[in-house]
Amino acid sequence: MKLADKLRELRVRRVIAPMLAGTALGEVPEDDIQYLIDLGLCRMAPGRGLTIANPIYREVLPRILAFRRRHPCRRSPRPG
């Protein structure tokens, strides 16, 4: 699993982005939350609910998301 690739997925971003911003998740499908738990990006913390799984991810996830906003990938046109 490449972390940057997973963060491109809408189901990952709609959970991670509000968590990093400190806002409510809103209406997020339970399957999306379970997907992030299964990937190891998030975990259920007793008394705190859903959290980023570990300190490294808490440090790295905002950087990756910010980098992608500043430097969007552009696909090259296909030849022919």
C-alpha atoms as a PDB file:
ATOM      1  CA  MET A   1       0.000   0.000   0.000  1.00  0.00           C
ATOM      2  CA  LYS A   2       1.340   3.405  -0.961  1.00  0.00           C
ATOM      3  CA  LEU A   3       0.024   5.983   1.454  1.00  0.00           C
ATOM      4  CA  ALA A   4      -0.147   8.721  -1.175  1.00  0.00           C
ATOM      5  CA  ASP A   5      -2.213   6.458  -3.436  1.00  0.00           C
ATOM      6  CA  LYS A   6      -4.681   5.686  -0.642  1.00  0.00           C
ATOM      7  CA  LEU A   7      -5.077   9.394   0.139  1.00  0.00           C
ATOM      8  CA  ARG A   8      -6.282   9.964  -3.423  1.00  0.00           C
ATOM      9  CA  GLU A   9      -9.329   7.816  -2.710  1.00  0.00           C
ATOM     10  CA  LEU A  10     -12.470   9.824  -1.934  1.00  0.00           C
ATOM     11  CA  ARG A  11     -13.528   7.401   0.794  1.00  0.00           C
ATOM     12  CA  VAL A  12     -10.213   7.968   2.566  1.00  0.00           C
ATOM     13  CA  ARG A  13     -10.145  11.758   2.135  1.00  0.00           C
ATOM     14  CA  ARG A  14     -13.714  12.271   3.375  1.00  0.00           C
ATOM     15  CA  VAL A  15     -12.725  10.701   6.710  1.00  0.00           C
ATOM     16  CA  ILE A  16      -9.120  11.911   7.099  1.00  0.00           C
ATOM     17  CA  ALA A  17      -9.586  15.557   6.019  1.00  0.00           C
ATOM     18  CA  PRO A  18     -12.199  16.487   8.678  1.00  0.00           C
ATOM     19  CA  MET A  19     -10.236  14.621  11.354  1.00  0.00           C
ATOM     20  CA  LEU A  20      -7.091  16.610  10.566  1.00  0.00           C
ATOM     21  CA  ALA A  21      -9.098  19.849  10.464  1.00  0.00           C
ATOM     22  CA  GLY A  22     -10.703  19.067  13.810  1.00  0.00           C
ATOM     23  CA  THR A  23     -14.226  19.156  12.404  1.00  0.00           C
ATOM     24  CA  ALA A  24     -17.077  16.658  12.579  1.00  0.00           C
ATOM     25  CA  LEU A  25     -17.093  13.843  10.053  1.00  0.00           C
ATOM     26  CA  GLY A  26     -20.702  14.385   9.104  1.00  0.00           C
ATOM     27  CA  GLU A  27     -22.421  11.672   7.107  1.00  0.00           C
ATOM     28  CA  VAL A  28     -19.661   9.177   6.359  1.00  0.00           C
ATOM     29  CA  PRO A  29     -20.561   5.595   5.468  1.00  0.00           C
ATOM     30  CA  GLU A  30     -19.592   3.113   8.180  1.00  0.00           C
ATOM     31  CA  ASP A  31     -17.857   1.061   5.468  1.00  0.00           C
ATOM     32  CA  ASP A  32     -15.484   3.977   4.801  1.00  0.00           C
ATOM     33  CA  ILE A  33     -14.552   4.215   8.475  1.00  0.00           C
ATOM     34  CA  GLN A  34     -13.995   0.466   8.661  1.00  0.00           C
ATOM     35  CA  TYR A  35     -11.863   0.653   5.498  1.00  0.00           C
ATOM     36  CA  LEU A  36      -9.508   3.149   7.187  1.00  0.00           C
ATOM     37  CA  ILE A  37      -9.350   1.005  10.305  1.00  0.00           C
ATOM     38  CA  ASP A  38      -8.566  -2.059   8.177  1.00  0.00           C
ATOM     39  CA  LEU A  39      -5.813  -0.113   6.364  1.00  0.00           C
ATOM     40  CA  GLY A  40      -4.332   0.846   9.721  1.00  0.00           C
ATOM     41  CA  LEU A  41      -4.708   4.583   9.105  1.00  0.00           C
ATOM     42  CA  CYS A  42      -7.262   5.027  11.909  1.00  0.00           C
ATOM     43  CA  ARG A  43      -8.277   3.260  15.089  1.00  0.00           C
ATOM     44  CA  MET A  44     -11.016   3.462  17.670  1.00  0.00           C
ATOM     45  CA  ALA A  45      -9.560   4.969  20.850  1.00  0.00           C
ATOM     46  CA  PRO A  46     -11.406   4.314  24.112  1.00  0.00           C
ATOM     47  CA  GLY A  47     -13.158   7.483  25.220  1.00  0.00           C
ATOM     48  CA  ARG A  48     -12.028   9.422  22.138  1.00  0.00           C
ATOM     49  CA  GLY A  49     -13.635   7.590  19.249  1.00  0.00           C
ATOM     50  CA  LEU A  50     -12.020   7.478  15.826  1.00  0.00           C
ATOM     51  CA  THR A  51      -8.438   8.796  15.754  1.00  0.00           C
ATOM     52  CA  ILE A  52      -5.419   8.714  13.466  1.00  0.00           C
ATOM     53  CA  ALA A  53      -3.736   5.375  14.169  1.00  0.00           C
ATOM     54  CA  ASN A  54      -0.286   6.509  15.233  1.00  0.00           C
ATOM     55  CA  PRO A  55       1.902   9.581  15.790  1.00  0.00           C
ATOM     56  CA  ILE A  56       3.764   9.113  12.518  1.00  0.00           C
ATOM     57  CA  TYR A  57       0.539   9.259  10.514  1.00  0.00           C
ATOM     58  CA  ARG A  58      -0.585  12.327  12.509  1.00  0.00           C
ATOM     59  CA  GLU A  59       2.620  14.016  11.369  1.00  0.00           C
ATOM     60  CA  VAL A  60       2.759  12.760   7.773  1.00  0.00           C
ATOM     61  CA  LEU A  61      -0.883  12.825   6.610  1.00  0.00           C
ATOM     62  CA  PRO A  62      -1.268  16.628   6.692  1.00  0.00           C
ATOM     63  CA  ARG A  63       1.997  17.039   4.786  1.00  0.00           C
ATOM     64  CA  ILE A  64       0.970  14.628   2.052  1.00  0.00           C
ATOM     65  CA  LEU A  65      -2.462  16.224   1.674  1.00  0.00           C
ATOM     66  CA  ALA A  66      -0.967  19.738   1.626  1.00  0.00           C
ATOM     67  CA  PHE A  67       1.656  18.734  -0.934  1.00  0.00           C
ATOM     68  CA  ARG A  68      -1.014  17.296  -3.218  1.00  0.00           C
ATOM     69  CA  ARG A  69      -3.012  20.563  -3.062  1.00  0.00           C
ATOM     70  CA  ARG A  70       0.054  22.645  -3.931  1.00  0.00           C
ATOM     71  CA  HIS A  71       1.376  20.262  -6.596  1.00  0.00           C
ATOM     72  CA  PRO A  72      -1.517  18.497  -8.309  1.00  0.00           C
ATOM     73  CA  CYS A  73      -0.583  15.651 -10.601  1.00  0.00           C
ATOM     74  CA  ARG A  74      -1.268  16.307 -14.222  1.00  0.00           C
ATOM     75  CA  ARG A  75      -1.546  13.510 -16.661  1.00  0.00           C
ATOM     76  CA  SER A  76       0.333  13.792 -19.887  1.00  0.00           C
ATOM     77  CA  PRO A  77      -1.817  13.579 -22.999  1.00  0.00           C
ATOM     78  CA  ARG A  78      -1.716  10.223 -24.694  1.00  0.00           C
ATOM     79  CA  PRO A  79       0.144  10.176 -27.974  1.00  0.00           C
ATOM     80  CA  GLY A  80      -1.776   9.381 -31.092  1.00  0.00           C
END
